[in-house]
Amino acid sequence: MTQVIFTKVAEREIKAAAKFFESRKEGFGEKFYRRVDEAAERIELNHEGYMPVYRDARRVQLRQFPEWFLWFRIRDEGALVIACLSGKRHPTLAKERSSSVIEIKPKDPASG
């Protein structure tokens, strides 16, 4: 299985989207978080099963939120989630994020 790592930007986007959905209907924010977790599990199990959409950036659709995607790149240390974006947003945003993302390595548990 592949380790899935979220950038801080992707984490902020997930939190903002969950807050938006919760404001629309009680419980939808938590449902959004669950679907993000499920998408991350699908990436863990079969990251190569998602074809590159732009350069090496791939995306996985969130169930029950069909316009939302986790965008990720495959790295030696695992799958790096670089964005959580609505498909309604212009695709240039995801392409720019894919081109300029800074590599993030997971914290070494031995270093404390």
N, C-alpha and C. Protein backbone atom coordinates (compact mmCIF):
# COMPACT_ATOMS: atom_id res chain seq x y z
N MET A 1 0.84 -1.19 0.00
CA MET A 1 0.00 0.00 0.00
C MET A 1 0.88 1.25 0.00
N THR A 2 0.38 2.27 -0.62
CA THR A 2 1.08 3.53 -0.75
C THR A 2 0.64 4.50 0.34
N GLN A 3 1.60 5.18 0.93
CA GLN A 3 1.28 6.21 1.92
C GLN A 3 0.72 7.44 1.20
N VAL A 4 -0.36 8.02 1.72
CA VAL A 4 -0.94 9.22 1.15
C VAL A 4 -0.61 10.40 2.06
N ILE A 5 0.00 11.42 1.47
CA ILE A 5 0.44 12.60 2.20
C ILE A 5 -0.32 13.80 1.65
N PHE A 6 -0.86 14.63 2.52
CA PHE A 6 -1.60 15.83 2.10
C PHE A 6 -0.73 17.07 2.31
N THR A 7 -0.67 17.93 1.31
CA THR A 7 0.01 19.21 1.49
C THR A 7 -0.87 20.08 2.39
N LYS A 8 -0.28 21.09 2.99
CA LYS A 8 -1.04 22.00 3.84
C LYS A 8 -2.11 22.74 3.04
N VAL A 9 -1.81 23.07 1.80
CA VAL A 9 -2.79 23.74 0.95
C VAL A 9 -4.00 22.83 0.71
N ALA A 10 -3.75 21.56 0.41
CA ALA A 10 -4.85 20.61 0.19
C ALA A 10 -5.66 20.46 1.48
N GLU A 11 -5.00 20.39 2.62
CA GLU A 11 -5.72 20.28 3.89
C GLU A 11 -6.62 21.49 4.12
N ARG A 12 -6.13 22.69 3.80
CA ARG A 12 -6.95 23.90 3.96
C ARG A 12 -8.15 23.87 3.01
N GLU A 13 -7.93 23.39 1.78
CA GLU A 13 -9.04 23.32 0.83
C GLU A 13 -10.10 22.33 1.29
N ILE A 14 -9.68 21.21 1.84
CA ILE A 14 -10.62 20.21 2.36
C ILE A 14 -11.43 20.80 3.51
N LYS A 15 -10.74 21.47 4.41
CA LYS A 15 -11.42 22.08 5.57
C LYS A 15 -12.43 23.14 5.11
N ALA A 16 -12.03 23.97 4.16
CA ALA A 16 -12.93 25.03 3.66
C ALA A 16 -14.15 24.42 2.95
N ALA A 17 -13.93 23.37 2.17
CA ALA A 17 -15.05 22.73 1.48
C ALA A 17 -16.00 22.09 2.49
N ALA A 18 -15.45 21.41 3.50
CA ALA A 18 -16.29 20.78 4.52
C ALA A 18 -17.11 21.84 5.26
N LYS A 19 -16.49 22.96 5.55
CA LYS A 19 -17.19 24.05 6.24
C LYS A 19 -18.32 24.58 5.35
N PHE A 20 -18.05 24.73 4.05
CA PHE A 20 -19.07 25.18 3.11
C PHE A 20 -20.25 24.20 3.09
N PHE A 21 -19.96 22.91 2.96
CA PHE A 21 -21.05 21.92 2.90
C PHE A 21 -21.82 21.86 4.21
N GLU A 22 -21.13 22.01 5.33
CA GLU A 22 -21.81 21.99 6.62
C GLU A 22 -22.76 23.19 6.74
N SER A 23 -22.36 24.33 6.16
CA SER A 23 -23.22 25.52 6.21
C SER A 23 -24.47 25.34 5.35
N ARG A 24 -24.39 24.46 4.37
CA ARG A 24 -25.53 24.18 3.50
C ARG A 24 -26.52 23.23 4.16
N LYS A 25 -25.98 22.21 4.83
CA LYS A 25 -26.84 21.23 5.48
C LYS A 25 -26.05 20.54 6.60
N GLU A 26 -26.66 20.48 7.77
CA GLU A 26 -26.00 19.87 8.91
C GLU A 26 -25.61 18.42 8.61
N GLY A 27 -24.38 18.07 8.92
CA GLY A 27 -23.88 16.72 8.69
C GLY A 27 -23.14 16.54 7.37
N PHE A 28 -23.33 17.47 6.44
CA PHE A 28 -22.67 17.33 5.15
C PHE A 28 -21.17 17.58 5.23
N GLY A 29 -20.74 18.39 6.17
CA GLY A 29 -19.30 18.62 6.34
C GLY A 29 -18.59 17.33 6.73
N GLU A 30 -19.17 16.61 7.69
CA GLU A 30 -18.61 15.33 8.13
C GLU A 30 -18.67 14.31 7.00
N LYS A 31 -19.74 14.32 6.23
CA LYS A 31 -19.87 13.42 5.10
C LYS A 31 -18.76 13.70 4.07
N PHE A 32 -18.48 14.99 3.86
CA PHE A 32 -17.41 15.36 2.92
C PHE A 32 -16.06 14.81 3.40
N TYR A 33 -15.77 14.98 4.70
CA TYR A 33 -14.52 14.44 5.26
C TYR A 33 -14.44 12.92 5.06
N ARG A 34 -15.54 12.21 5.27
CA ARG A 34 -15.55 10.76 5.08
C ARG A 34 -15.25 10.39 3.64
N ARG A 35 -15.80 11.14 2.70
CA ARG A 35 -15.55 10.85 1.28
C ARG A 35 -14.11 11.15 0.90
N VAL A 36 -13.52 12.16 1.51
CA VAL A 36 -12.09 12.44 1.29
C VAL A 36 -11.26 11.27 1.80
N ASP A 37 -11.59 10.78 3.00
CA ASP A 37 -10.88 9.62 3.56
C ASP A 37 -11.01 8.40 2.65
N GLU A 38 -12.20 8.17 2.12
CA GLU A 38 -12.41 7.04 1.21
C GLU A 38 -11.58 7.19 -0.06
N ALA A 39 -11.53 8.42 -0.59
CA ALA A 39 -10.73 8.66 -1.80
C ALA A 39 -9.25 8.42 -1.51
N ALA A 40 -8.79 8.83 -0.34
CA ALA A 40 -7.40 8.59 0.04
C ALA A 40 -7.12 7.09 0.14
N GLU A 41 -8.08 6.34 0.65
CA GLU A 41 -7.92 4.88 0.73
C GLU A 41 -7.83 4.27 -0.67
N ARG A 42 -8.63 4.79 -1.59
CA ARG A 42 -8.56 4.28 -2.97
C ARG A 42 -7.21 4.58 -3.59
N ILE A 43 -6.65 5.75 -3.27
CA ILE A 43 -5.31 6.08 -3.76
C ILE A 43 -4.29 5.11 -3.16
N GLU A 44 -4.41 4.85 -1.85
CA GLU A 44 -3.49 3.91 -1.18
C GLU A 44 -3.49 2.55 -1.85
N LEU A 45 -4.67 2.07 -2.19
CA LEU A 45 -4.81 0.72 -2.73
C LEU A 45 -4.39 0.61 -4.19
N ASN A 46 -4.58 1.68 -4.98
CA ASN A 46 -4.32 1.56 -6.41
C ASN A 46 -3.99 2.92 -7.04
N HIS A 47 -2.93 3.54 -6.57
CA HIS A 47 -2.60 4.87 -7.09
C HIS A 47 -2.28 4.86 -8.58
N GLU A 48 -1.72 3.77 -9.08
CA GLU A 48 -1.40 3.67 -10.51
C GLU A 48 -2.65 3.49 -11.37
N GLY A 49 -3.77 3.19 -10.74
CA GLY A 49 -5.01 2.99 -11.48
C GLY A 49 -5.64 4.28 -11.99
N TYR A 50 -5.11 5.40 -11.56
CA TYR A 50 -5.61 6.70 -11.99
C TYR A 50 -4.63 7.29 -12.99
N MET A 51 -5.12 7.53 -14.18
CA MET A 51 -4.27 8.04 -15.26
C MET A 51 -3.92 9.51 -15.02
N PRO A 52 -2.71 9.92 -15.44
CA PRO A 52 -2.36 11.34 -15.34
C PRO A 52 -3.34 12.19 -16.16
N VAL A 53 -3.75 13.29 -15.57
CA VAL A 53 -4.66 14.21 -16.22
C VAL A 53 -3.86 15.36 -16.83
N TYR A 54 -2.86 15.81 -16.09
CA TYR A 54 -1.98 16.88 -16.55
C TYR A 54 -0.59 16.57 -16.04
N ARG A 55 0.36 16.43 -16.96
CA ARG A 55 1.72 16.00 -16.63
C ARG A 55 1.63 14.76 -15.75
N ASP A 56 2.14 14.83 -14.53
CA ASP A 56 2.07 13.64 -13.67
C ASP A 56 0.97 13.76 -12.61
N ALA A 57 0.12 14.77 -12.73
CA ALA A 57 -0.97 14.95 -11.76
C ALA A 57 -2.14 14.05 -12.13
N ARG A 58 -2.64 13.36 -11.13
CA ARG A 58 -3.79 12.46 -11.29
C ARG A 58 -4.90 12.97 -10.40
N ARG A 59 -6.09 12.47 -10.59
CA ARG A 59 -7.18 12.89 -9.72
C ARG A 59 -8.13 11.74 -9.46
N VAL A 60 -8.75 11.81 -8.30
CA VAL A 60 -9.75 10.82 -7.91
C VAL A 60 -11.00 11.59 -7.48
N GLN A 61 -12.13 11.13 -7.97
CA GLN A 61 -13.42 11.78 -7.70
C GLN A 61 -13.94 11.36 -6.33
N LEU A 62 -14.56 12.32 -5.64
CA LEU A 62 -15.16 12.02 -4.34
C LEU A 62 -16.58 11.50 -4.56
N ARG A 63 -16.87 10.37 -3.97
CA ARG A 63 -18.22 9.80 -4.07
C ARG A 63 -19.19 10.70 -3.33
N GLN A 64 -20.38 10.81 -3.82
CA GLN A 64 -21.47 11.66 -3.32
C GLN A 64 -21.19 13.15 -3.50
N PHE A 65 -20.01 13.50 -3.95
CA PHE A 65 -19.64 14.87 -4.28
C PHE A 65 -18.97 14.82 -5.65
N PRO A 66 -19.74 14.51 -6.70
CA PRO A 66 -19.17 14.18 -8.01
C PRO A 66 -18.40 15.30 -8.69
N GLU A 67 -18.57 16.53 -8.23
CA GLU A 67 -17.83 17.63 -8.84
C GLU A 67 -16.51 17.90 -8.13
N TRP A 68 -16.20 17.13 -7.10
CA TRP A 68 -15.00 17.36 -6.30
C TRP A 68 -13.97 16.26 -6.54
N PHE A 69 -12.70 16.68 -6.57
CA PHE A 69 -11.60 15.76 -6.84
C PHE A 69 -10.43 16.01 -5.91
N LEU A 70 -9.74 14.94 -5.54
CA LEU A 70 -8.42 15.06 -4.93
C LEU A 70 -7.42 14.93 -6.07
N TRP A 71 -6.55 15.89 -6.20
CA TRP A 71 -5.49 15.86 -7.19
C TRP A 71 -4.22 15.39 -6.48
N PHE A 72 -3.50 14.44 -7.09
CA PHE A 72 -2.30 13.92 -6.43
C PHE A 72 -1.21 13.60 -7.44
N ARG A 73 0.00 13.48 -6.91
CA ARG A 73 1.16 13.09 -7.69
C ARG A 73 1.81 11.90 -6.98
N ILE A 74 2.36 11.01 -7.75
CA ILE A 74 3.04 9.85 -7.18
C ILE A 74 4.51 10.19 -6.99
N ARG A 75 4.99 9.96 -5.79
CA ARG A 75 6.38 10.22 -5.42
C ARG A 75 6.96 8.98 -4.77
N ASP A 76 8.28 8.97 -4.61
CA ASP A 76 8.93 7.82 -3.98
C ASP A 76 8.40 7.57 -2.58
N GLU A 77 8.10 8.64 -1.85
CA GLU A 77 7.65 8.50 -0.46
C GLU A 77 6.16 8.23 -0.34
N GLY A 78 5.44 8.26 -1.45
CA GLY A 78 4.01 7.97 -1.44
C GLY A 78 3.27 8.85 -2.43
N ALA A 79 1.97 8.92 -2.25
CA ALA A 79 1.13 9.76 -3.10
C ALA A 79 0.94 11.09 -2.38
N LEU A 80 1.25 12.17 -3.08
CA LEU A 80 1.17 13.51 -2.51
C LEU A 80 -0.09 14.20 -3.03
N VAL A 81 -1.07 14.43 -2.13
CA VAL A 81 -2.30 15.12 -2.51
C VAL A 81 -1.98 16.61 -2.53
N ILE A 82 -2.12 17.21 -3.73
CA ILE A 82 -1.74 18.60 -3.91
C ILE A 82 -2.94 19.54 -3.92
N ALA A 83 -4.15 19.00 -4.07
CA ALA A 83 -5.32 19.87 -4.13
C ALA A 83 -6.60 19.08 -3.88
N CYS A 84 -7.61 19.79 -3.41
CA CYS A 84 -8.97 19.29 -3.32
C CYS A 84 -9.81 20.38 -3.96
N LEU A 85 -10.22 20.14 -5.21
CA LEU A 85 -10.88 21.19 -5.98
C LEU A 85 -12.19 20.72 -6.57
N SER A 86 -13.08 21.67 -6.71
CA SER A 86 -14.33 21.42 -7.40
C SER A 86 -14.06 21.45 -8.90
N GLY A 87 -14.71 20.57 -9.62
CA GLY A 87 -14.58 20.56 -11.06
C GLY A 87 -15.16 21.81 -11.70
N LYS A 88 -15.91 22.60 -10.95
CA LYS A 88 -16.46 23.85 -11.46
C LYS A 88 -15.38 24.93 -11.56
N ARG A 89 -14.30 24.75 -10.81
CA ARG A 89 -13.22 25.73 -10.86
C ARG A 89 -12.42 25.51 -12.13
N HIS A 90 -11.81 26.54 -12.61
CA HIS A 90 -11.06 26.46 -13.86
C HIS A 90 -9.91 25.46 -13.70
N PRO A 91 -9.72 24.56 -14.66
CA PRO A 91 -8.68 23.53 -14.55
C PRO A 91 -7.26 24.09 -14.49
N THR A 92 -7.08 25.34 -14.88
CA THR A 92 -5.75 25.94 -14.82
C THR A 92 -5.21 25.94 -13.39
N LEU A 93 -6.09 26.10 -12.41
CA LEU A 93 -5.66 26.12 -11.01
C LEU A 93 -4.98 24.80 -10.64
N ALA A 94 -5.57 23.70 -11.00
CA ALA A 94 -4.96 22.40 -10.71
C ALA A 94 -3.67 22.21 -11.50
N LYS A 95 -3.65 22.67 -12.73
CA LYS A 95 -2.45 22.54 -13.55
C LYS A 95 -1.30 23.36 -12.96
N GLU A 96 -1.59 24.57 -12.53
CA GLU A 96 -0.56 25.40 -11.90
C GLU A 96 -0.06 24.75 -10.62
N ARG A 97 -0.96 24.22 -9.84
CA ARG A 97 -0.58 23.57 -8.58
C ARG A 97 0.32 22.39 -8.87
N SER A 98 0.00 21.62 -9.90
CA SER A 98 0.79 20.45 -10.26
C SER A 98 2.20 20.84 -10.70
N SER A 99 2.30 21.95 -11.39
CA SER A 99 3.60 22.37 -11.92
C SER A 99 4.51 22.96 -10.86
N SER A 100 3.93 23.55 -9.81
CA SER A 100 4.77 24.29 -8.87
C SER A 100 4.77 23.75 -7.46
N VAL A 101 4.23 22.58 -7.24
CA VAL A 101 4.16 22.05 -5.89
C VAL A 101 5.56 21.74 -5.36
N ILE A 102 5.78 22.07 -4.09
CA ILE A 102 7.04 21.78 -3.42
C ILE A 102 6.97 20.38 -2.86
N GLU A 103 8.02 19.61 -3.05
CA GLU A 103 8.04 18.25 -2.52
C GLU A 103 7.94 18.28 -1.00
N ILE A 104 7.11 17.44 -0.46
CA ILE A 104 6.93 17.34 0.98
C ILE A 104 7.19 15.91 1.39
N LYS A 105 8.08 15.74 2.33
CA LYS A 105 8.39 14.40 2.82
C LYS A 105 7.70 14.22 4.17
N PRO A 106 7.25 13.01 4.45
CA PRO A 106 6.61 12.78 5.75
C PRO A 106 7.62 12.93 6.87
N LYS A 107 7.14 13.36 8.02
CA LYS A 107 7.99 13.55 9.18
C LYS A 107 8.54 12.19 9.62
N ASP A 108 9.83 12.16 9.88
CA ASP A 108 10.49 10.94 10.35
C ASP A 108 10.10 10.69 11.80
N PRO A 109 9.40 9.58 12.09
CA PRO A 109 8.96 9.33 13.47
C PRO A 109 10.12 9.22 14.45
N ALA A 110 11.28 8.85 13.97
CA ALA A 110 12.44 8.69 14.85
C ALA A 110 13.00 10.04 15.30
N SER A 111 12.70 11.12 14.54
CA SER A 111 13.26 12.42 14.88
C SER A 111 12.42 13.17 15.92
N GLY A 112 11.31 12.57 16.32
CA GLY A 112 10.51 13.14 17.39
C GLY A 112 9.48 13.99 16.93
